[in-house]
Amino acid sequence: MPRHALADASTPFAQRILLGVRYPFRGAAPVTILAVAAFELLTFFPITFLRLIVMFFGWVATYTYAIECLRHTADGFADPPEVALNTDDRTSIALIVIQLTGNALAVLATLYFGAPGLLVLPVFAFVLPIMTMSLTFDGVEAALNPLTWIKVVGRLGSDYLLLFVVVTAATLLQAGALYALAEHGPAFLGTAVFYVIANYLTIYTFHLMGALIHHRHETLGYQPESEVIADAANPDDDVALLGHVNLIARDDIPGATDILTERLREGIAPVAMHTRYRELLRVQGRLPELLVHGQIWIAALVQAREERRALGVVQDCIDVDPVFLPDATLTCGPLADTAAHGGMTRLALHLALGYLRSWPGDMGAPHYGLLALRMHERQREPAEAAALGRQLLAAYPDHPLRVDIEALLDTLGTMRKVST
């Protein structure tokens, strides 16, 4: 018996649209819908500042869980997640900012350009699902890149058009509910029902975005986590073993940890087993072992091309030891690139600077020095960028990247000639 019910990627997307109607009624989704709606009801009180605060945090809570539903569905799981473990609130906030900015641009375009400006709104509505999916997996830069939009539409074809139709219909339905219930219905009850409907539709549409990624994952080059777990050795035995470990851990946490230690030494193990092992180590305060396991697991995840999950482990290890760094160039370098591409600026800077300090003589050091320089620039730290740039020019005077470093320093207005 698998730990999670799995979806069939071969199911036609049109069928997933119909099946998805029941998705928000399963697992933790209805509790989340009702809990957030109950919180949002605080907007019923006529206090302007309070209403704005409640609306904002209500959006954040809804989108945080909805984005986790998108990830969970894209990874091949049929039921909603229990909690939003892998979603950063910043992703939800970024999505809110994108939506508000897009709608504002549509209004301004209409005011300034008249009828032609009206085209901005449907174009924005058309690319918003792409932006949401890209933001979830690849960060802000990918979400805002028009080349990403074109590539995704080209790969998904008619299925994306179908998704757009459903998302548009859900948006219109939500607007109708706002008009009929919150604005012209029974005041308190109408507002409550509206929030429930709005939250339901949000989770439903985000589930469909994940379902489309899962259905076309081979075309998109994405490997669902459910396939990784299914390919692991003896998955049924591992589920039973993990259940046994959880039972033992009630009375004997060190003993439960030893059982998992032996299993992890055997080779490939499910993500849940690694996660539980780290939880048990943390409870016991065995932080050095937690960091050692982190090094091993990070390397394995990078080798399996699971860089996004590996970055999560890196961040977890940094929370334990702020100077933590993957212990090999083949691990640290790709993760720095992935973090930078995904908009995780601070993490990318930490990894790039760590690479430069740990392996200054490596052939990749100038590249990651330049990456660190760009991260300083992205964080609006010109003084740090200037200092690092001068160090790079002095350390690698004849390297081909010298031209890029000088150009970047020149744009900062901090270029100083370095004697060589």
Protein backbone atom coordinates (compact mmCIF):
# COMPACT_ATOMS: atom_id res chain seq x y z
CA MET A 1 0.00 0.00 0.00
CA PRO A 2 1.63 3.27 -1.10
CA ARG A 3 1.93 6.03 1.41
CA HIS A 4 0.17 8.49 -0.89
CA ALA A 5 -2.45 7.97 -3.58
CA LEU A 6 -0.80 8.63 -6.94
CA ALA A 7 -2.24 10.18 -10.07
CA ASP A 8 -1.87 8.65 -13.53
CA ALA A 9 0.14 10.99 -15.76
CA SER A 10 -1.41 9.43 -18.87
CA THR A 11 -4.91 10.61 -17.91
CA PRO A 12 -6.02 13.20 -20.52
CA PHE A 13 -5.90 16.73 -19.20
CA ALA A 14 -9.56 17.32 -20.08
CA GLN A 15 -10.44 14.43 -17.78
CA ARG A 16 -8.22 15.87 -15.03
CA ILE A 17 -10.26 19.07 -15.24
CA LEU A 18 -13.42 17.14 -14.39
CA LEU A 19 -11.77 14.99 -11.73
CA GLY A 20 -10.16 18.04 -10.19
CA VAL A 21 -13.53 19.47 -9.14
CA ARG A 22 -13.46 17.10 -6.15
CA TYR A 23 -9.81 17.84 -5.28
CA PRO A 24 -10.47 20.76 -2.87
CA PHE A 25 -12.88 18.55 -0.91
CA ARG A 26 -10.21 15.99 0.01
CA GLY A 27 -7.53 15.77 2.67
CA ALA A 28 -6.51 18.99 4.38
CA ALA A 29 -7.88 21.23 1.60
CA PRO A 30 -11.42 21.81 2.99
CA VAL A 31 -10.04 22.59 6.46
CA THR A 32 -7.64 25.11 4.91
CA ILE A 33 -10.41 26.67 2.80
CA LEU A 34 -12.69 27.12 5.82
CA ALA A 35 -9.93 28.28 8.18
CA VAL A 36 -8.66 30.96 5.80
CA ALA A 37 -12.24 32.04 5.01
CA ALA A 38 -12.94 32.39 8.74
CA PHE A 39 -9.86 34.59 9.10
CA GLU A 40 -10.84 36.66 6.06
CA LEU A 41 -14.22 37.36 7.65
CA LEU A 42 -12.43 39.88 9.85
CA THR A 43 -12.73 42.18 6.83
CA PHE A 44 -16.41 42.44 7.75
CA PHE A 45 -15.48 44.90 10.48
CA PRO A 46 -15.45 48.49 9.11
CA ILE A 47 -11.86 49.31 10.07
CA THR A 48 -9.94 50.19 6.91
CA PHE A 49 -6.42 49.39 8.14
CA LEU A 50 -7.54 46.08 9.67
CA ARG A 51 -9.33 45.09 6.49
CA LEU A 52 -6.22 45.70 4.39
CA ILE A 53 -4.03 43.67 6.75
CA VAL A 54 -6.52 40.80 6.84
CA MET A 55 -6.94 40.81 3.06
CA PHE A 56 -3.17 40.69 2.52
CA PHE A 57 -2.52 37.86 4.96
CA GLY A 58 -5.57 36.01 3.68
CA TRP A 59 -4.15 36.14 0.16
CA VAL A 60 -0.75 35.00 1.39
CA ALA A 61 -2.25 32.05 3.30
CA THR A 62 -4.42 30.98 0.36
CA TYR A 63 -1.65 31.24 -2.22
CA THR A 64 0.90 29.54 0.03
CA TYR A 65 -1.29 26.46 0.34
CA ALA A 66 -2.44 26.64 -3.30
CA ILE A 67 1.17 26.76 -4.53
CA GLU A 68 1.94 23.71 -2.40
CA CYS A 69 -1.05 21.98 -4.03
CA LEU A 70 0.42 22.89 -7.42
CA ARG A 71 3.79 21.35 -6.45
CA HIS A 72 2.18 18.28 -4.90
CA THR A 73 0.01 17.64 -7.95
CA ALA A 74 2.91 18.22 -10.35
CA ASP A 75 4.86 15.61 -8.38
CA GLY A 76 2.14 13.06 -9.13
CA PHE A 77 0.22 12.92 -5.85
CA ALA A 78 -3.55 12.65 -6.14
CA ASP A 79 -4.54 14.17 -2.79
CA PRO A 80 -3.85 17.65 -1.38
CA PRO A 81 -0.85 18.09 0.94
CA GLU A 82 -1.39 18.21 4.68
CA VAL A 83 0.58 21.45 5.09
CA ALA A 84 2.63 23.81 2.93
CA LEU A 85 6.11 22.53 3.80
CA ASN A 86 8.06 23.46 0.67
CA THR A 87 6.52 26.82 -0.17
CA ASP A 88 8.13 30.05 0.99
CA ASP A 89 5.74 32.90 1.84
CA ARG A 90 7.89 35.07 -0.42
CA THR A 91 6.69 33.06 -3.41
CA SER A 92 3.09 33.89 -2.50
CA ILE A 93 3.94 37.55 -1.98
CA ALA A 94 5.74 37.65 -5.34
CA LEU A 95 2.64 36.22 -7.02
CA ILE A 96 0.43 38.84 -5.33
CA VAL A 97 2.77 41.62 -6.50
CA ILE A 98 2.77 40.22 -10.05
CA GLN A 99 -1.03 40.11 -10.12
CA LEU A 100 -1.48 43.62 -8.70
CA THR A 101 1.14 45.03 -11.07
CA GLY A 102 -0.39 43.33 -14.09
CA ASN A 103 -3.88 44.60 -13.29
CA ALA A 104 -2.55 48.11 -12.63
CA LEU A 105 -0.75 48.12 -15.98
CA ALA A 106 -3.97 47.00 -17.68
CA VAL A 107 -5.88 49.91 -16.13
CA LEU A 108 -3.18 52.45 -16.99
CA ALA A 109 -2.90 51.13 -20.55
CA THR A 110 -6.64 51.56 -21.00
CA LEU A 111 -6.58 55.10 -19.61
CA TYR A 112 -3.64 56.21 -21.74
CA PHE A 113 -4.18 54.25 -24.96
CA GLY A 114 -7.93 53.77 -25.03
CA ALA A 115 -9.32 50.73 -26.83
CA PRO A 116 -5.89 49.29 -27.83
CA GLY A 117 -4.90 49.40 -24.18
CA LEU A 118 -7.68 46.96 -23.37
CA LEU A 119 -5.56 44.22 -24.96
CA VAL A 120 -3.15 44.33 -22.01
CA LEU A 121 -5.64 42.64 -19.67
CA PRO A 122 -6.36 39.52 -21.79
CA VAL A 123 -2.66 39.15 -22.62
CA PHE A 124 -1.77 39.33 -18.93
CA ALA A 125 -4.56 36.88 -18.08
CA PHE A 126 -3.26 34.49 -20.76
CA VAL A 127 0.32 34.40 -19.43
CA LEU A 128 -0.57 34.49 -15.71
CA PRO A 129 -0.84 30.66 -15.39
CA ILE A 130 2.60 30.34 -17.04
CA MET A 131 4.00 32.94 -14.67
CA THR A 132 2.49 31.12 -11.69
CA MET A 133 3.95 27.76 -12.70
CA SER A 134 7.36 29.26 -13.49
CA LEU A 135 7.40 31.22 -10.24
CA THR A 136 6.62 28.04 -8.28
CA PHE A 137 9.48 26.01 -9.69
CA ASP A 138 12.04 28.42 -11.15
CA GLY A 139 11.66 31.74 -9.36
CA VAL A 140 10.81 35.33 -10.25
CA GLU A 141 13.26 35.75 -13.14
CA ALA A 142 11.80 32.83 -15.07
CA ALA A 143 8.25 33.95 -14.31
CA LEU A 144 8.88 37.41 -15.78
CA ASN A 145 10.81 36.18 -18.83
CA PRO A 146 8.71 36.37 -22.06
CA LEU A 147 10.90 33.64 -23.56
CA THR A 148 9.63 31.31 -20.83
CA TRP A 149 6.04 32.13 -21.77
CA ILE A 150 6.64 31.35 -25.43
CA LYS A 151 8.50 28.13 -24.67
CA VAL A 152 5.83 26.84 -22.28
CA VAL A 153 2.94 27.60 -24.61
CA GLY A 154 4.82 25.91 -27.45
CA ARG A 155 5.38 22.77 -25.40
CA LEU A 156 1.92 22.52 -23.87
CA GLY A 157 -0.04 23.52 -26.95
CA SER A 158 -3.81 23.03 -26.84
CA ASP A 159 -3.74 21.76 -23.25
CA TYR A 160 -2.53 25.18 -22.13
CA LEU A 161 -5.37 26.84 -24.02
CA LEU A 162 -7.77 24.54 -22.19
CA LEU A 163 -6.19 25.51 -18.87
CA PHE A 164 -6.52 29.19 -19.75
CA VAL A 165 -10.22 28.76 -20.52
CA VAL A 166 -10.84 27.05 -17.18
CA VAL A 167 -8.83 29.64 -15.21
CA THR A 168 -10.70 32.46 -16.97
CA ALA A 169 -14.04 30.81 -16.21
CA ALA A 170 -13.04 30.43 -12.56
CA THR A 171 -12.04 34.11 -12.42
CA LEU A 172 -15.39 35.18 -13.87
CA LEU A 173 -17.22 32.88 -11.47
CA GLN A 174 -15.32 34.40 -8.56
CA ALA A 175 -16.21 37.91 -9.76
CA GLY A 176 -19.86 36.86 -10.03
CA ALA A 177 -19.79 35.47 -6.51
CA LEU A 178 -18.27 38.73 -5.24
CA TYR A 179 -21.08 40.73 -6.86
CA ALA A 180 -23.96 38.44 -5.90
CA LEU A 181 -22.89 37.40 -2.41
CA ALA A 182 -20.40 39.80 -0.84
CA GLU A 183 -21.82 43.02 -2.30
CA HIS A 184 -25.55 42.30 -2.82
CA GLY A 185 -26.23 39.25 -0.68
CA PRO A 186 -26.88 38.89 3.03
CA ALA A 187 -24.03 40.88 4.54
CA PHE A 188 -22.20 38.46 6.86
CA LEU A 189 -23.34 35.14 5.38
CA GLY A 190 -22.83 36.33 1.81
CA THR A 191 -19.29 37.46 2.58
CA ALA A 192 -18.51 34.13 4.27
CA VAL A 193 -19.82 32.09 1.33
CA PHE A 194 -17.90 34.26 -1.12
CA TYR A 195 -14.60 33.63 0.66
CA VAL A 196 -15.23 29.89 0.70
CA ILE A 197 -15.99 29.90 -3.04
CA ALA A 198 -12.96 32.09 -3.83
CA ASN A 199 -10.59 29.86 -1.86
CA TYR A 200 -12.07 26.73 -3.42
CA LEU A 201 -11.58 28.10 -6.94
CA THR A 202 -8.01 29.16 -6.17
CA ILE A 203 -7.02 25.69 -4.97
CA TYR A 204 -8.88 24.08 -7.88
CA THR A 205 -7.12 26.15 -10.55
CA PHE A 206 -3.68 25.74 -8.96
CA HIS A 207 -4.31 21.99 -8.81
CA LEU A 208 -5.04 22.05 -12.54
CA MET A 209 -1.75 23.85 -13.23
CA GLY A 210 0.04 21.08 -11.35
CA ALA A 211 -2.01 18.43 -13.17
CA LEU A 212 -0.95 19.88 -16.52
CA ILE A 213 2.72 19.81 -15.50
CA HIS A 214 2.33 16.21 -14.32
CA HIS A 215 0.52 15.19 -17.53
CA ARG A 216 3.18 16.78 -19.74
CA HIS A 217 6.21 16.33 -17.45
CA GLU A 218 8.24 14.49 -20.08
CA THR A 219 7.74 17.34 -22.56
CA LEU A 220 8.71 19.86 -19.90
CA GLY A 221 11.72 17.85 -18.69
CA TYR A 222 10.34 17.61 -15.15
CA GLN A 223 10.63 14.47 -13.02
CA PRO A 224 7.74 14.08 -10.54
CA GLU A 225 8.80 13.20 -7.02
CA SER A 226 6.37 10.28 -7.00
CA GLU A 227 8.44 8.63 -9.74
CA VAL A 228 11.62 9.12 -7.75
CA ILE A 229 10.00 7.43 -4.75
CA ALA A 230 8.57 4.66 -6.90
CA ASP A 231 12.00 3.96 -8.37
CA ALA A 232 13.60 3.65 -4.94
CA ALA A 233 14.58 0.19 -3.81
CA ASN A 234 11.81 -1.80 -2.10
CA PRO A 235 9.39 1.08 -1.61
CA ASP A 236 6.78 -1.02 0.23
CA ASP A 237 9.42 -2.30 2.64
CA ASP A 238 10.58 1.26 3.23
CA VAL A 239 7.06 2.41 4.06
CA ALA A 240 6.70 -0.41 6.55
CA LEU A 241 10.14 0.32 8.00
CA LEU A 242 9.32 4.01 8.39
CA GLY A 243 6.11 3.11 10.20
CA HIS A 244 8.11 0.84 12.49
CA VAL A 245 10.64 3.63 13.12
CA ASN A 246 7.88 6.06 14.06
CA LEU A 247 6.51 3.50 16.50
CA ILE A 248 9.92 2.91 18.10
CA ALA A 249 10.59 6.66 18.29
CA ARG A 250 7.76 7.10 20.78
CA ASP A 251 9.86 5.47 23.48
CA ASP A 252 13.37 5.17 22.05
CA ILE A 253 14.46 7.98 19.72
CA PRO A 254 18.16 6.92 19.60
CA GLY A 255 17.12 3.37 18.71
CA ALA A 256 14.81 4.64 15.95
CA THR A 257 17.65 6.79 14.64
CA ASP A 258 20.00 3.79 14.52
CA ILE A 259 17.48 1.85 12.43
CA LEU A 260 17.31 4.66 9.88
CA THR A 261 21.11 5.03 9.91
CA GLU A 262 21.50 1.41 8.83
CA ARG A 263 18.85 1.77 6.12
CA LEU A 264 20.38 4.95 4.67
CA ARG A 265 23.77 3.24 4.45
CA GLU A 266 22.28 0.65 2.12
CA GLY A 267 21.72 3.13 -0.70
CA ILE A 268 18.78 4.95 -2.29
CA ALA A 269 16.03 5.73 0.20
CA PRO A 270 12.75 7.69 -0.06
CA VAL A 271 12.74 11.39 0.71
CA ALA A 272 10.43 10.76 3.68
CA MET A 273 13.07 8.54 5.26
CA HIS A 274 15.80 11.17 4.93
CA THR A 275 13.45 13.81 6.31
CA ARG A 276 12.48 11.68 9.32
CA TYR A 277 16.14 10.87 9.99
CA ARG A 278 16.97 14.57 10.10
CA GLU A 279 14.03 15.25 12.40
CA LEU A 280 15.24 12.62 14.86
CA LEU A 281 18.81 13.94 14.79
CA ARG A 282 17.59 17.47 15.41
CA VAL A 283 15.41 16.42 18.35
CA GLN A 284 18.48 14.82 19.97
CA GLY A 285 20.70 17.82 19.28
CA ARG A 286 23.06 15.69 17.18
CA LEU A 287 23.92 18.62 14.94
CA PRO A 288 27.31 17.40 13.62
CA GLU A 289 25.64 14.24 12.33
CA LEU A 290 22.87 16.39 10.85
CA LEU A 291 25.48 18.31 8.86
CA VAL A 292 27.27 15.15 7.74
CA HIS A 293 23.99 13.68 6.51
CA GLY A 294 23.28 16.98 4.78
CA GLN A 295 26.55 16.77 2.82
CA ILE A 296 25.80 13.22 1.72
CA TRP A 297 22.18 13.85 0.80
CA ILE A 298 22.91 17.11 -1.01
CA ALA A 299 25.49 15.37 -3.19
CA ALA A 300 23.03 12.56 -3.98
CA LEU A 301 20.26 15.02 -4.84
CA VAL A 302 22.51 17.02 -7.17
CA GLN A 303 23.60 13.82 -8.89
CA ALA A 304 19.91 12.95 -9.34
CA ARG A 305 19.30 16.46 -10.74
CA GLU A 306 17.10 17.38 -7.78
CA GLU A 307 18.79 20.76 -7.26
CA ARG A 308 15.66 22.46 -5.90
CA ARG A 309 15.32 19.94 -3.09
CA ALA A 310 19.08 20.03 -2.49
CA LEU A 311 18.91 23.79 -1.96
CA GLY A 312 16.31 23.20 0.73
CA VAL A 313 18.72 20.85 2.51
CA VAL A 314 21.53 23.42 2.13
CA GLN A 315 19.37 26.09 3.74
CA ASP A 316 18.46 23.71 6.56
CA CYS A 317 22.16 23.06 7.20
CA ILE A 318 22.95 26.78 7.11
CA ASP A 319 20.33 27.28 9.80
CA VAL A 320 22.37 24.88 11.93
CA ASP A 321 25.81 26.21 10.92
CA PRO A 322 25.89 29.61 9.16
CA VAL A 323 29.21 28.79 7.46
CA PHE A 324 28.00 25.46 6.06
CA LEU A 325 28.98 24.80 2.46
CA PRO A 326 28.69 21.75 0.21
CA ASP A 327 32.05 20.00 0.31
CA ALA A 328 32.72 19.56 -3.42
CA THR A 329 32.91 21.85 -6.44
CA LEU A 330 30.59 19.55 -8.42
CA THR A 331 27.94 20.09 -5.76
CA CYS A 332 28.47 23.68 -4.68
CA GLY A 333 28.77 25.16 -8.17
CA PRO A 334 25.55 23.85 -9.74
CA LEU A 335 23.61 24.77 -6.60
CA ALA A 336 24.92 28.34 -6.73
CA ASP A 337 23.80 28.59 -10.36
CA THR A 338 20.38 27.10 -9.57
CA ALA A 339 19.85 29.44 -6.62
CA ALA A 340 20.77 32.47 -8.72
CA HIS A 341 18.46 31.40 -11.55
CA GLY A 342 15.65 30.77 -9.08
CA GLY A 343 15.84 34.21 -7.50
CA MET A 344 17.34 32.95 -4.20
CA THR A 345 19.87 35.76 -4.12
CA ARG A 346 21.21 35.41 -0.58
CA LEU A 347 21.65 31.67 -0.89
CA ALA A 348 23.34 32.05 -4.28
CA LEU A 349 25.69 34.67 -2.82
CA HIS A 350 26.55 32.41 0.12
CA LEU A 351 27.35 29.49 -2.19
CA ALA A 352 29.28 31.55 -4.74
CA LEU A 353 31.42 33.28 -2.10
CA GLY A 354 31.97 29.94 -0.37
CA TYR A 355 33.12 28.42 -3.66
CA LEU A 356 35.54 31.29 -4.20
CA ARG A 357 36.98 31.00 -0.68
CA SER A 358 37.20 27.22 -0.63
CA TRP A 359 38.57 26.60 -4.12
CA PRO A 360 40.27 29.83 -5.30
CA GLY A 361 42.56 27.89 -7.63
CA ASP A 362 39.77 25.93 -9.31
CA MET A 363 39.01 26.77 -12.92
CA GLY A 364 35.43 27.60 -11.97
CA ALA A 365 36.40 30.10 -9.26
CA PRO A 366 36.34 33.22 -11.50
CA HIS A 367 32.87 32.28 -12.77
CA TYR A 368 31.48 32.00 -9.25
CA GLY A 369 33.32 35.15 -8.23
CA LEU A 370 31.48 36.95 -11.02
CA LEU A 371 28.23 35.30 -9.90
CA ALA A 372 28.80 36.59 -6.37
CA LEU A 373 29.48 40.04 -7.81
CA ARG A 374 26.15 39.95 -9.62
CA MET A 375 24.36 38.85 -6.46
CA HIS A 376 25.87 41.80 -4.59
CA GLU A 377 24.58 44.04 -7.36
CA ARG A 378 21.13 42.42 -7.19
CA GLN A 379 21.04 43.10 -3.46
CA ARG A 380 22.08 46.72 -4.04
CA GLU A 381 25.41 46.36 -2.25
CA PRO A 382 27.75 48.46 -4.42
CA ALA A 383 30.51 48.75 -1.83
CA GLU A 384 30.74 44.97 -1.38
CA ALA A 385 30.52 44.49 -5.15
CA ALA A 386 33.33 46.96 -5.73
CA ALA A 387 35.59 45.34 -3.14
CA LEU A 388 34.95 41.86 -4.51
CA GLY A 389 35.42 43.02 -8.09
CA ARG A 390 38.83 44.51 -7.31
CA GLN A 391 39.85 41.27 -5.58
CA LEU A 392 38.81 39.26 -8.61
CA LEU A 393 40.70 41.49 -11.02
CA ALA A 394 43.81 41.24 -8.88
CA ALA A 395 43.51 37.45 -8.42
CA TYR A 396 42.70 36.60 -12.05
CA PRO A 397 44.31 39.37 -14.17
CA ASP A 398 44.44 37.36 -17.39
CA HIS A 399 41.17 35.47 -17.16
CA PRO A 400 38.65 35.97 -20.02
CA LEU A 401 35.96 36.97 -17.49
CA ARG A 402 38.00 40.06 -16.59
CA VAL A 403 36.12 41.98 -19.27
CA ASP A 404 32.75 41.08 -17.72
CA ILE A 405 33.95 41.99 -14.24
CA GLU A 406 35.25 45.38 -15.42
CA ALA A 407 32.01 46.05 -17.29
CA LEU A 408 29.93 45.26 -14.24
CA LEU A 409 32.07 47.45 -12.00
CA ASP A 410 31.84 50.21 -14.55
CA THR A 411 28.03 50.10 -14.44
CA LEU A 412 28.23 50.49 -10.67
CA GLY A 413 30.37 53.58 -11.07
CA THR A 414 32.99 52.08 -8.80
CA MET A 415 35.59 50.98 -11.28
CA ARG A 416 39.14 51.50 -10.10
CA LYS A 417 42.20 50.56 -12.02
CA VAL A 418 43.97 47.56 -10.55
CA SER A 419 47.70 47.39 -11.04
CA THR A 420 48.88 44.09 -12.35
